[in-house]
């Protein structure tokens, strides 16, 4: 009836590599966009009208008016950095850019640690995206949520299927060297 050893076509060898490369390029592309945003928030603050618009947009996107804990944390972060919310957001954007580049490049090179990092980093954003869709439903938000759910599912299946084989060979090598 059903074969427990059946592997979905998406996880078979040639397709799996293509999907890993596509996911890696997607993360690197997000990193480039976030890098541009972070640099603009930190260094292009001379344009006040543009910065006011961007500040209002960012407040809407993180649902600042609906979330007292987020507002509280942003105010505390603002007090610590004393450079304003936009400066803090710029630094946060640059930090997350580094995470995205690390994930993207590591997954592109098919490193297991990078796949694990991507599962945790992407999975941590899913509750935030669900909350965002709950308060501001839209097609783009749903598509981003579905893409991130697919990435987490796919990488989980890849990691589950490709268990590390190095642990089985290490004890033999240690015994032979003695």
Protein backbone atom coordinates (compact mmCIF):
# COMPACT_ATOMS: atom_id res chain seq x y z
CA UNK A 1 0.00 0.00 0.00
CA UNK A 2 2.36 2.74 1.19
CA UNK A 3 6.09 2.38 1.11
CA UNK A 4 7.69 3.91 4.25
CA UNK A 5 10.99 4.26 2.38
CA UNK A 6 9.34 6.34 -0.35
CA UNK A 7 11.09 9.65 -0.83
CA UNK A 8 9.13 12.58 -2.30
CA UNK A 9 10.44 13.76 -5.65
CA UNK A 10 11.36 17.13 -4.18
CA UNK A 11 13.85 15.44 -1.83
CA UNK A 12 15.53 13.28 -4.46
CA UNK A 13 19.13 14.11 -5.27
CA UNK A 14 19.11 16.43 -8.33
CA UNK A 15 15.98 18.36 -7.33
CA UNK A 16 17.04 18.70 -3.71
CA UNK A 17 20.26 20.48 -4.72
CA UNK A 18 18.32 22.86 -6.98
CA UNK A 19 15.88 23.73 -4.21
CA UNK A 20 18.72 24.25 -1.72
CA UNK A 21 20.42 26.64 -4.15
CA UNK A 22 17.14 28.46 -4.79
CA UNK A 23 16.47 28.84 -1.05
CA UNK A 24 20.03 30.08 -0.52
CA UNK A 25 19.68 32.68 -3.28
CA UNK A 26 16.33 33.77 -1.82
CA UNK A 27 17.95 34.35 1.59
CA UNK A 28 20.92 36.18 0.05
CA UNK A 29 18.49 38.38 -1.92
CA UNK A 30 16.59 39.21 1.28
CA UNK A 31 19.93 40.00 2.89
CA UNK A 32 20.85 42.44 0.12
CA UNK A 33 17.51 44.26 0.49
CA UNK A 34 17.90 44.40 4.26
CA UNK A 35 21.48 45.65 3.88
CA UNK A 36 20.23 48.52 1.73
CA UNK A 37 17.56 49.32 4.31
CA UNK A 38 20.01 49.18 7.22
CA UNK A 39 22.58 51.38 5.50
CA UNK A 40 19.92 53.88 4.49
CA UNK A 41 18.55 54.02 8.06
CA UNK A 42 22.00 54.63 9.50
CA UNK A 43 23.56 56.97 6.95
CA UNK A 44 20.82 58.65 4.96
CA UNK A 45 18.96 60.29 7.82
CA UNK A 46 19.51 63.81 6.49
CA UNK A 47 16.28 63.56 4.47
CA UNK A 48 13.66 64.15 7.14
CA UNK A 49 10.53 63.69 4.99
CA UNK A 50 11.81 60.39 3.68
CA UNK A 51 12.83 59.27 7.16
CA UNK A 52 9.42 60.22 8.62
CA UNK A 53 7.70 58.17 5.93
CA UNK A 54 10.03 55.22 6.56
CA UNK A 55 9.52 55.47 10.32
CA UNK A 56 5.73 55.41 9.93
CA UNK A 57 5.97 52.48 7.53
CA UNK A 58 8.22 50.51 9.93
CA UNK A 59 5.86 51.23 12.84
CA UNK A 60 2.94 49.94 10.77
CA UNK A 61 4.83 46.82 9.67
CA UNK A 62 5.82 45.76 13.18
CA UNK A 63 2.33 46.66 14.42
CA UNK A 64 3.66 49.11 16.97
CA UNK A 65 0.20 50.45 17.85
CA UNK A 66 -1.11 46.93 18.54
CA UNK A 67 1.73 45.66 20.68
CA UNK A 68 2.63 47.13 24.02
CA UNK A 69 5.57 44.72 24.57
CA UNK A 70 7.15 45.64 21.20
CA UNK A 71 6.65 49.36 21.91
CA UNK A 72 8.15 48.93 25.38
CA UNK A 73 11.20 47.07 24.03
CA UNK A 74 11.74 49.63 21.27
CA UNK A 75 11.57 52.50 23.77
CA UNK A 76 14.08 50.75 26.04
CA UNK A 77 16.36 50.09 23.06
CA UNK A 78 16.01 53.72 22.02
CA UNK A 79 17.01 54.88 25.49
CA UNK A 80 20.06 52.60 25.48
CA UNK A 81 21.33 53.64 22.07
CA UNK A 82 20.25 57.30 22.43
CA UNK A 83 20.20 57.52 18.67
CA UNK A 84 16.50 57.01 18.10
CA UNK A 85 14.37 54.15 16.91
CA UNK A 86 15.56 54.43 13.32
CA UNK A 87 19.19 54.07 14.32
CA UNK A 88 18.36 51.00 16.42
CA UNK A 89 16.33 49.56 13.55
CA UNK A 90 19.27 50.17 11.22
CA UNK A 91 21.65 48.25 13.48
CA UNK A 92 19.10 45.46 13.86
CA UNK A 93 18.70 45.32 10.07
CA UNK A 94 22.48 45.03 9.61
CA UNK A 95 22.67 42.28 12.23
CA UNK A 96 19.90 40.30 10.56
CA UNK A 97 21.60 40.92 7.20
CA UNK A 98 24.67 39.12 8.55
CA UNK A 99 22.46 36.22 9.67
CA UNK A 100 20.79 36.02 6.24
CA UNK A 101 24.12 36.09 4.40
CA UNK A 102 25.52 33.41 6.71
CA UNK A 103 22.48 31.20 6.15
CA UNK A 104 22.39 31.79 2.42
CA UNK A 105 26.06 31.21 1.72
CA UNK A 106 26.20 28.20 4.06
CA UNK A 107 23.14 26.55 2.49
CA UNK A 108 24.43 27.33 -1.00
CA UNK A 109 27.61 25.45 -0.06
CA UNK A 110 25.36 22.70 1.41
CA UNK A 111 26.69 22.95 4.94
CA UNK A 112 24.61 21.09 7.51
CA UNK A 113 25.12 23.73 10.24
CA UNK A 114 23.74 26.41 7.91
CA UNK A 115 20.64 24.34 7.18
CA UNK A 116 20.08 23.97 10.93
CA UNK A 117 20.61 27.71 11.47
CA UNK A 118 18.13 28.48 8.70
CA UNK A 119 15.51 26.18 10.22
CA UNK A 120 15.73 27.91 13.60
CA UNK A 121 16.01 31.47 12.27
CA UNK A 122 13.18 31.06 9.76
CA UNK A 123 11.00 29.09 12.17
CA UNK A 124 11.39 31.80 14.81
CA UNK A 125 9.85 34.33 12.42
CA UNK A 126 6.73 32.28 11.63
CA UNK A 127 4.76 33.31 14.78
CA UNK A 128 5.54 36.97 14.05
CA UNK A 129 4.33 36.56 10.47
CA UNK A 130 1.12 34.84 11.64
CA UNK A 131 0.50 37.73 14.03
CA UNK A 132 1.13 40.22 11.24
CA UNK A 133 -1.35 38.45 8.95
CA UNK A 134 -3.89 38.34 11.77
CA UNK A 135 -3.75 42.13 12.22
CA UNK A 136 -3.10 43.13 8.60
CA UNK A 137 -4.25 40.42 6.19
CA UNK A 138 -2.77 40.57 2.73
CA UNK A 139 -1.57 38.44 -0.13
CA UNK A 140 2.12 39.35 0.27
CA UNK A 141 2.13 38.41 3.94
CA UNK A 142 0.47 35.08 3.21
CA UNK A 143 2.98 34.34 0.43
CA UNK A 144 5.92 35.14 2.70
CA UNK A 145 4.45 32.93 5.43
CA UNK A 146 3.95 30.06 2.99
CA UNK A 147 7.50 30.46 1.60
CA UNK A 148 9.00 30.38 5.09
CA UNK A 149 6.88 27.37 6.11
CA UNK A 150 8.04 25.56 2.96
CA UNK A 151 11.69 26.41 3.72
CA UNK A 152 11.43 25.07 7.28
CA UNK A 153 9.61 21.91 6.15
CA UNK A 154 12.01 21.25 3.26
CA UNK A 155 15.19 21.78 5.29
CA UNK A 156 13.83 19.67 8.13
CA UNK A 157 13.17 16.82 5.70
CA UNK A 158 16.63 17.21 4.14
CA UNK A 159 18.32 17.14 7.54
CA UNK A 160 16.21 14.21 8.69
CA UNK A 161 17.01 12.25 5.54
CA UNK A 162 20.74 13.07 5.44
CA UNK A 163 21.85 12.14 8.94
CA UNK A 164 25.57 12.67 9.50
CA UNK A 165 27.58 9.57 8.70
CA UNK A 166 30.81 10.86 10.25
CA UNK A 167 29.83 9.65 13.74
CA UNK A 168 29.77 6.03 12.63
CA UNK A 169 33.25 6.14 11.09
CA UNK A 170 35.03 8.05 13.88
CA UNK A 171 35.21 5.21 16.46
CA UNK A 172 36.78 2.91 13.86
CA UNK A 173 39.48 5.46 13.10
CA UNK A 174 40.26 5.91 16.81
CA UNK A 175 40.60 2.17 17.32
CA UNK A 176 42.92 1.81 14.31
CA UNK A 177 45.27 4.60 15.46
CA UNK A 178 45.95 2.95 18.83
